[in-house]
């Protein structure tokens, strides 16, 4: 069983501890590791399960729009992602994308936009997606080329997006496009685009090592009503960064969930595996590795929940979220790799828990800002501070 002593840290209130206990029990009953060959169907089913269980209410802001709180609770988001990731990676993905895909609406949407989309997201009746990356604009958001041109009471959207999670199964996409109010990042806007809008095409489905719905989108003369603009024209970069500041910390929490599961599996293996007349746990090399794994997890958890707590108390957490995301994902990769090594040959057998974790963790070091981008963000924030 995972060590949950971290729940006693002062970052959390009583409702957060109760949330973790309730979700952990729900996950033990409802989530079965593995999802078969039809990942799209599995993801749709998980979204409905999470909606029926009431967990997606944490993914949207505003009680009048189906949310559990007036504003997004970052610590709750992180605890949910950590717990789901520990049980089943695709369930974590399903939850995370409901939040990320609708986060711009929660934070910047009009009352009409919130009323139209957020209650359905919270109930698991509408699947959300966040469409920012392009073939030549991933980490460098200001370089995006997808363009939206005003035409009367519509915008006409043309261009491509790629690496879009939930691409192909989403009911709507929050799409970021260049509207030209100013050069670079200041000339980008965000739009809610219904998946059924003429001119929106699923150009390609993308298969990755830890399967989940992923696609390249193409927009050909896609006409979007002007009232689908999220926030104001030219505010899109701010919308994207504010959304990522919330959910980047939750990526760190998901990495913690994967790492804690790997440590649990490694401990069980070390205690049960006999060799040379003793257990694997009796070897000092094994003990040293387990100590490194546990220490790394606690260090990453401290950074993660510091960032979540700071945001919930009103602080700007660009630097802290980047530190948490970088440290937790890199640490989880090391912890899971060490668990695979402790399992030996069994660690690379398809379907083994640590083998699944090995595939799950790799993408977290890339998406929502690769480790190298987090380093640049941290350094930029340090250099920006008064000397």
Protein backbone atom coordinates (compact mmCIF):
# COMPACT_ATOMS: atom_id res chain seq x y z
CA UNK A 1 0.00 0.00 0.00
CA UNK A 2 1.28 3.45 -0.92
CA UNK A 3 2.75 5.58 1.87
CA UNK A 4 0.20 8.34 2.48
CA UNK A 5 2.02 10.21 5.23
CA UNK A 6 2.23 13.18 2.85
CA UNK A 7 -1.49 13.80 3.40
CA UNK A 8 -0.61 15.03 6.89
CA UNK A 9 1.50 17.86 5.45
CA UNK A 10 0.16 21.37 6.15
CA UNK A 11 -0.51 21.98 2.45
CA UNK A 12 -3.87 20.19 2.78
CA UNK A 13 -7.19 20.90 4.48
CA UNK A 14 -9.49 18.23 5.87
CA UNK A 15 -11.57 18.12 2.69
CA UNK A 16 -8.49 17.27 0.64
CA UNK A 17 -7.64 14.32 2.88
CA UNK A 18 -11.24 13.11 2.72
CA UNK A 19 -11.21 13.48 -1.07
CA UNK A 20 -8.16 11.26 -1.42
CA UNK A 21 -9.61 8.55 0.82
CA UNK A 22 -12.95 8.54 -1.01
CA UNK A 23 -11.40 8.49 -4.48
CA UNK A 24 -8.91 5.78 -3.55
CA UNK A 25 -11.75 3.55 -2.38
CA UNK A 26 -13.80 4.33 -5.49
CA UNK A 27 -10.84 3.58 -7.75
CA UNK A 28 -10.23 0.20 -6.10
CA UNK A 29 -13.83 -0.74 -6.87
CA UNK A 30 -14.32 0.79 -10.31
CA UNK A 31 -10.97 0.87 -12.11
CA UNK A 32 -9.44 -2.19 -13.71
CA UNK A 33 -5.86 -1.82 -15.03
CA UNK A 34 -5.64 -2.27 -18.79
CA UNK A 35 -8.10 -1.08 -21.40
CA UNK A 36 -8.08 -3.58 -24.24
CA UNK A 37 -7.53 -2.69 -27.87
CA UNK A 38 -10.25 -0.05 -28.29
CA UNK A 39 -8.69 2.90 -26.50
CA UNK A 40 -11.28 5.37 -27.78
CA UNK A 41 -14.14 3.36 -26.31
CA UNK A 42 -12.26 2.86 -23.05
CA UNK A 43 -11.61 6.59 -22.73
CA UNK A 44 -15.25 7.47 -23.42
CA UNK A 45 -16.35 4.94 -20.81
CA UNK A 46 -13.91 6.32 -18.25
CA UNK A 47 -15.14 9.87 -18.80
CA UNK A 48 -18.70 8.71 -18.13
CA UNK A 49 -17.59 6.74 -15.05
CA UNK A 50 -15.74 9.74 -13.67
CA UNK A 51 -18.74 11.94 -14.38
CA UNK A 52 -21.18 9.52 -12.78
CA UNK A 53 -18.91 9.29 -9.74
CA UNK A 54 -18.93 13.07 -9.34
CA UNK A 55 -15.17 13.39 -9.75
CA UNK A 56 -15.33 15.57 -12.85
CA UNK A 57 -17.03 18.28 -10.81
CA UNK A 58 -13.52 19.07 -9.58
CA UNK A 59 -12.36 19.64 -13.17
CA UNK A 60 -14.56 22.69 -13.83
CA UNK A 61 -14.87 25.99 -12.01
CA UNK A 62 -18.14 27.49 -10.78
CA UNK A 63 -20.81 25.78 -8.71
CA UNK A 64 -23.53 27.23 -10.94
CA UNK A 65 -21.91 25.43 -13.89
CA UNK A 66 -21.60 22.00 -12.30
CA UNK A 67 -18.30 22.54 -10.50
CA UNK A 68 -17.78 21.56 -6.89
CA UNK A 69 -16.11 24.89 -6.08
CA UNK A 70 -16.41 28.47 -7.28
CA UNK A 71 -12.84 28.26 -8.57
CA UNK A 72 -10.57 25.41 -9.58
CA UNK A 73 -8.93 23.83 -6.51
CA UNK A 74 -5.39 22.97 -7.60
CA UNK A 75 -4.68 20.73 -4.64
CA UNK A 76 -7.83 18.72 -5.34
CA UNK A 77 -6.88 18.40 -9.02
CA UNK A 78 -3.43 17.17 -8.01
CA UNK A 79 -4.68 14.65 -5.45
CA UNK A 80 -7.18 13.28 -7.96
CA UNK A 81 -4.57 12.91 -10.69
CA UNK A 82 -2.06 11.30 -8.33
CA UNK A 83 -4.64 8.82 -7.07
CA UNK A 84 -6.00 7.93 -10.51
CA UNK A 85 -2.50 7.56 -11.97
CA UNK A 86 -1.57 5.16 -9.18
CA UNK A 87 -4.53 2.95 -10.15
CA UNK A 88 -4.93 3.32 -13.94
CA UNK A 89 -3.09 5.67 -16.29
CA UNK A 90 -5.91 6.07 -18.81
CA UNK A 91 -8.30 7.14 -16.03
CA UNK A 92 -5.85 9.88 -15.07
CA UNK A 93 -5.67 10.93 -18.73
CA UNK A 94 -9.46 11.03 -19.04
CA UNK A 95 -9.81 13.21 -15.96
CA UNK A 96 -6.93 15.51 -16.87
CA UNK A 97 -8.20 16.26 -20.36
CA UNK A 98 -11.65 17.16 -19.09
CA UNK A 99 -9.98 19.78 -16.95
CA UNK A 100 -7.34 21.01 -19.41
CA UNK A 101 -9.75 20.96 -22.34
CA UNK A 102 -12.31 23.09 -20.53
CA UNK A 103 -9.90 25.04 -18.31
CA UNK A 104 -9.82 28.10 -20.56
CA UNK A 105 -13.61 28.29 -20.34
CA UNK A 106 -13.54 27.92 -16.55
CA UNK A 107 -10.95 30.68 -16.23
CA UNK A 108 -11.88 33.11 -19.03
CA UNK A 109 -15.14 32.02 -20.64
CA UNK A 110 -18.30 34.09 -20.83
CA UNK A 111 -21.33 33.10 -18.78
CA UNK A 112 -22.95 31.74 -21.95
CA UNK A 113 -19.89 29.63 -22.79
CA UNK A 114 -19.70 28.26 -19.28
CA UNK A 115 -23.39 27.41 -19.27
CA UNK A 116 -23.14 25.70 -22.67
CA UNK A 117 -20.12 23.48 -21.95
CA UNK A 118 -19.06 23.16 -18.32
CA UNK A 119 -22.09 21.28 -16.90
CA UNK A 120 -21.76 18.68 -19.66
CA UNK A 121 -18.04 18.32 -18.98
CA UNK A 122 -18.72 17.87 -15.26
CA UNK A 123 -21.29 15.15 -15.93
CA UNK A 124 -19.03 13.32 -18.39
CA UNK A 125 -21.48 13.99 -21.23
CA UNK A 126 -19.09 16.09 -23.34
CA UNK A 127 -15.42 15.29 -23.96
CA UNK A 128 -13.08 18.28 -24.01
CA UNK A 129 -9.77 18.90 -25.79
CA UNK A 130 -7.05 21.58 -25.71
CA UNK A 131 -5.66 22.39 -29.17
CA UNK A 132 -2.50 24.47 -28.90
CA UNK A 133 0.44 22.59 -30.49
CA UNK A 134 1.18 22.67 -34.21
CA UNK A 135 3.68 20.84 -36.45
CA UNK A 136 6.11 23.79 -36.16
CA UNK A 137 4.90 25.31 -32.90
CA UNK A 138 5.06 23.11 -29.83
CA UNK A 139 7.22 24.57 -27.11
CA UNK A 140 7.38 27.89 -28.99
CA UNK A 141 3.70 28.85 -28.75
CA UNK A 142 4.30 32.30 -30.24
CA UNK A 143 5.31 30.63 -33.54
CA UNK A 144 1.89 29.11 -34.23
CA UNK A 145 0.46 29.67 -37.71
CA UNK A 146 -3.14 28.52 -37.45
CA UNK A 147 -5.10 31.68 -38.27
CA UNK A 148 -8.59 33.00 -37.57
CA UNK A 149 -9.85 35.89 -39.71
CA UNK A 150 -12.89 37.94 -38.74
CA UNK A 151 -15.74 37.76 -41.25
CA UNK A 152 -18.80 39.61 -39.99
CA UNK A 153 -20.22 37.78 -36.99
CA UNK A 154 -17.88 34.80 -37.56
CA UNK A 155 -14.20 33.94 -37.56
CA UNK A 156 -12.83 31.74 -40.35
CA UNK A 157 -10.23 29.30 -39.07
CA UNK A 158 -7.52 27.73 -41.25
CA UNK A 159 -4.47 25.68 -40.32
CA UNK A 160 -3.38 22.57 -38.42
CA UNK A 161 -2.98 21.39 -34.87
CA UNK A 162 -1.15 18.24 -33.82
CA UNK A 163 -0.47 16.08 -30.76
CA UNK A 164 -4.02 16.91 -29.64
CA UNK A 165 -5.11 14.65 -26.81
CA UNK A 166 -8.72 13.47 -27.19
CA UNK A 167 -8.38 14.29 -30.89
CA UNK A 168 -10.96 12.22 -32.72
CA UNK A 169 -13.26 11.64 -29.74
CA UNK A 170 -13.70 15.15 -28.33
CA UNK A 171 -17.06 16.91 -28.56
CA UNK A 172 -15.35 20.31 -28.59
CA UNK A 173 -11.87 21.80 -28.81
CA UNK A 174 -10.46 24.99 -27.32
CA UNK A 175 -8.35 26.12 -30.28
CA UNK A 176 -5.65 28.79 -30.24
CA UNK A 177 -5.17 30.73 -33.47
CA UNK A 178 -3.42 33.82 -34.72
CA UNK A 179 -5.79 36.78 -35.07
CA UNK A 180 -3.14 39.43 -35.73
CA UNK A 181 -3.78 42.11 -33.10
CA UNK A 182 -0.01 42.34 -32.56
CA UNK A 183 3.14 40.40 -33.49
CA UNK A 184 4.07 37.16 -31.77
CA UNK A 185 2.27 35.98 -28.65
CA UNK A 186 0.16 39.14 -28.40
CA UNK A 187 -1.76 38.33 -31.60
CA UNK A 188 -3.28 35.00 -30.56
CA UNK A 189 -6.89 34.28 -29.55
CA UNK A 190 -8.75 31.26 -28.17
CA UNK A 191 -11.98 29.79 -29.54
CA UNK A 192 -14.40 27.03 -28.60
CA UNK A 193 -14.88 24.88 -31.70
CA UNK A 194 -17.60 22.24 -31.82
CA UNK A 195 -16.29 18.94 -33.21
CA UNK A 196 -19.12 18.84 -35.75
CA UNK A 197 -18.22 22.24 -37.28
CA UNK A 198 -17.83 21.99 -41.09
CA UNK A 199 -14.21 22.39 -42.09
CA UNK A 200 -12.80 20.66 -39.01
CA UNK A 201 -11.17 17.39 -40.04
CA UNK A 202 -9.34 14.65 -38.15
CA UNK A 203 -6.38 14.55 -40.51
CA UNK A 204 -4.50 11.75 -38.74
CA UNK A 205 -4.75 9.55 -35.68
CA UNK A 206 -1.44 9.23 -33.84
CA UNK A 207 -0.35 6.08 -32.00
CA UNK A 208 2.03 6.46 -29.05
CA UNK A 209 3.72 4.05 -26.64
CA UNK A 210 1.10 4.52 -23.91
CA UNK A 211 -2.07 4.48 -26.03
CA UNK A 212 -4.59 7.26 -25.65
CA UNK A 213 -6.71 9.21 -28.15
CA UNK A 214 -4.39 11.53 -30.04
CA UNK A 215 -4.74 13.24 -33.42
CA UNK A 216 -3.68 15.86 -35.92
CA UNK A 217 -6.48 18.31 -36.76
CA UNK A 218 -6.95 20.32 -39.93
CA UNK A 219 -9.14 23.41 -40.30
CA UNK A 220 -10.25 24.35 -43.82
CA UNK A 221 -12.40 27.48 -43.90
CA UNK A 222 -13.92 26.51 -40.57
CA UNK A 223 -16.51 29.16 -39.67
CA UNK A 224 -16.84 29.85 -35.95
CA UNK A 225 -19.44 32.20 -34.44
CA UNK A 226 -17.76 35.24 -32.93
CA UNK A 227 -19.36 34.50 -29.57
CA UNK A 228 -17.10 31.41 -29.35
CA UNK A 229 -14.11 33.70 -28.73
CA UNK A 230 -12.79 32.93 -25.21
CA UNK A 231 -11.88 36.11 -23.39
CA UNK A 232 -10.92 38.95 -25.72
CA UNK A 233 -9.15 39.00 -29.08
CA UNK A 234 -5.39 38.90 -28.66
CA UNK A 235 -5.65 37.40 -25.16
CA UNK A 236 -5.06 33.81 -26.25
CA UNK A 237 -1.48 33.48 -25.04
CA UNK A 238 -2.54 34.67 -21.59
CA UNK A 239 -5.45 32.21 -21.66
CA UNK A 240 -3.17 29.32 -22.63
CA UNK A 241 -0.48 30.11 -20.05
CA UNK A 242 -2.97 30.60 -17.22
CA UNK A 243 -4.59 27.28 -18.06
CA UNK A 244 -1.25 25.53 -18.21
CA UNK A 245 -0.16 27.06 -14.89
CA UNK A 246 -3.06 25.21 -13.26
CA UNK A 247 -2.69 21.90 -15.02
CA UNK A 248 1.12 21.79 -15.31
CA UNK A 249 1.25 21.22 -11.56
CA UNK A 250 -1.24 18.39 -11.95
CA UNK A 251 1.10 16.71 -14.46
CA UNK A 252 3.63 16.58 -11.65
CA UNK A 253 0.99 14.96 -9.45
CA UNK A 254 0.23 12.31 -12.08
CA UNK A 255 3.95 11.54 -12.24
CA UNK A 256 3.91 11.12 -8.46
CA UNK A 257 1.07 8.61 -8.78
CA UNK A 258 3.01 6.57 -11.32
CA UNK A 259 6.15 6.74 -9.17
CA UNK A 260 4.36 5.69 -5.97
CA UNK A 261 2.83 2.70 -7.75
CA UNK A 262 6.28 1.74 -9.05
CA UNK A 263 7.75 1.95 -5.55
CA UNK A 264 4.94 -0.21 -4.16
CA UNK A 265 5.56 -2.80 -6.85
CA UNK A 266 9.32 -2.68 -6.24
CA UNK A 267 8.92 -3.14 -2.48
CA UNK A 268 6.63 -6.13 -2.95
CA UNK A 269 9.06 -7.66 -5.43
CA UNK A 270 12.07 -7.06 -3.17
CA UNK A 271 10.36 -8.72 -0.23
CA UNK A 272 9.15 -11.76 -2.16
CA UNK A 273 11.93 -12.52 -4.66
CA UNK A 274 14.42 -15.07 -3.29
CA UNK A 275 17.93 -15.49 -4.66
CA UNK A 276 21.19 -16.85 -3.26
CA UNK A 277 19.43 -17.94 -0.08
CA UNK A 278 17.93 -14.59 0.82
CA UNK A 279 15.40 -12.09 -0.49
CA UNK A 280 16.20 -9.32 -2.93
CA UNK A 281 15.44 -6.87 -0.11
CA UNK A 282 18.35 -8.25 1.94
CA UNK A 283 20.92 -6.94 -0.52
CA UNK A 284 22.42 -3.56 0.31
CA UNK A 285 22.30 -2.55 -3.36
CA UNK A 286 18.55 -3.08 -3.33
CA UNK A 287 18.16 -1.13 -0.10
CA UNK A 288 20.15 1.78 -1.52
CA UNK A 289 17.99 1.84 -4.64
CA UNK A 290 14.76 1.77 -2.64
CA UNK A 291 16.03 4.61 -0.44
CA UNK A 292 16.81 6.73 -3.50
CA UNK A 293 13.39 6.03 -4.97
CA UNK A 294 11.51 6.99 -1.80
CA UNK A 295 13.57 10.12 -1.21
CA UNK A 296 13.09 11.31 -4.78
CA UNK A 297 9.33 10.83 -4.54
CA UNK A 298 9.09 12.84 -1.32
CA UNK A 299 11.22 15.66 -2.74
CA UNK A 300 9.05 15.82 -5.86
CA UNK A 301 5.88 15.71 -3.78
CA UNK A 302 7.02 18.66 -1.67
CA UNK A 303 7.58 20.77 -4.80
CA UNK A 304 4.31 19.64 -6.34
CA UNK A 305 2.07 20.39 -3.39
CA UNK A 306 3.92 23.61 -2.61
CA UNK A 307 3.03 24.84 -6.10
CA UNK A 308 -0.59 23.68 -5.74
CA UNK A 309 -0.96 25.31 -2.32
CA UNK A 310 0.60 28.57 -3.50
CA UNK A 311 -1.80 28.82 -6.44
CA UNK A 312 -4.79 28.08 -4.23
CA UNK A 313 -3.72 30.89 -1.90
CA UNK A 314 -3.56 33.38 -4.78
CA UNK A 315 0.12 33.37 -5.74
CA UNK A 316 1.51 33.34 -9.26
CA UNK A 317 3.21 29.97 -9.66
CA UNK A 318 4.87 30.02 -13.07
CA UNK A 319 8.29 29.18 -11.61
CA UNK A 320 7.02 26.84 -8.90
CA UNK A 321 4.81 24.88 -11.31
CA UNK A 322 7.74 24.48 -13.69
CA UNK A 323 9.99 23.26 -10.88
CA UNK A 324 7.35 20.76 -9.79
CA UNK A 325 6.65 19.47 -13.29
CA UNK A 326 10.33 19.10 -14.15
CA UNK A 327 11.34 17.42 -10.91
CA UNK A 328 8.37 15.08 -10.56
CA UNK A 329 8.44 13.79 -14.13
CA UNK A 330 12.21 13.29 -14.21
CA UNK A 331 12.15 11.62 -10.79
CA UNK A 332 9.27 9.35 -11.76
CA UNK A 333 11.17 8.23 -14.85
CA UNK A 334 14.14 7.27 -12.65
CA UNK A 335 11.96 5.54 -10.05
CA UNK A 336 10.06 3.50 -12.64
CA UNK A 337 13.26 2.54 -14.46
CA UNK A 338 14.70 1.32 -11.15
CA UNK A 339 11.53 -0.71 -10.51
CA UNK A 340 11.81 -2.36 -13.93
CA UNK A 341 15.43 -3.24 -13.13
CA UNK A 342 14.45 -4.81 -9.80
CA UNK A 343 11.92 -6.98 -11.60
CA UNK A 344 14.52 -8.21 -14.04
CA UNK A 345 13.09 -9.98 -17.08
CA UNK A 346 9.56 -9.76 -15.74
CA UNK A 347 9.85 -5.99 -15.79
CA UNK A 348 9.75 -5.87 -19.58
CA UNK A 349 6.95 -8.41 -20.07
CA UNK A 350 3.98 -6.77 -21.76
CA UNK A 351 1.15 -6.17 -19.28
CA UNK A 352 3.30 -6.24 -16.16
CA UNK A 353 2.49 -3.26 -13.92
CA UNK A 354 5.98 -1.76 -14.08
CA UNK A 355 6.13 -2.29 -17.85
CA UNK A 356 2.89 -0.31 -18.23
CA UNK A 357 4.27 2.41 -15.97
CA UNK A 358 7.46 2.57 -18.05
CA UNK A 359 5.39 3.38 -21.12
CA UNK A 360 3.07 5.74 -19.27
CA UNK A 361 5.72 7.99 -17.76
CA UNK A 362 7.77 8.83 -20.84
CA UNK A 363 5.33 11.29 -22.40
CA UNK A 364 4.98 13.29 -19.19
CA UNK A 365 8.54 14.55 -19.60
CA UNK A 366 7.46 16.11 -22.91
CA UNK A 367 3.83 17.24 -22.89
CA UNK A 368 2.69 20.54 -21.38
CA UNK A 369 6.26 21.73 -21.72
CA UNK A 370 9.29 19.46 -22.03
CA UNK A 371 11.84 19.36 -19.22
CA UNK A 372 14.17 21.65 -21.17
CA UNK A 373 11.37 24.21 -21.54
CA UNK A 374 10.72 24.07 -17.79
CA UNK A 375 14.39 24.86 -17.23
CA UNK A 376 14.10 27.92 -19.47
CA UNK A 377 10.95 29.06 -17.65
CA UNK A 378 12.62 28.71 -14.24
CA UNK A 379 15.73 30.58 -15.36
CA UNK A 380 13.66 33.35 -17.00
CA UNK A 381 11.67 33.86 -13.79
CA UNK A 382 14.86 33.96 -11.72
CA UNK A 383 16.49 36.52 -14.04
CA UNK A 384 13.33 38.64 -14.09
CA UNK A 385 13.38 39.07 -10.31
CA UNK A 386 15.00 42.24 -8.92
CA UNK A 387 18.72 41.83 -8.27
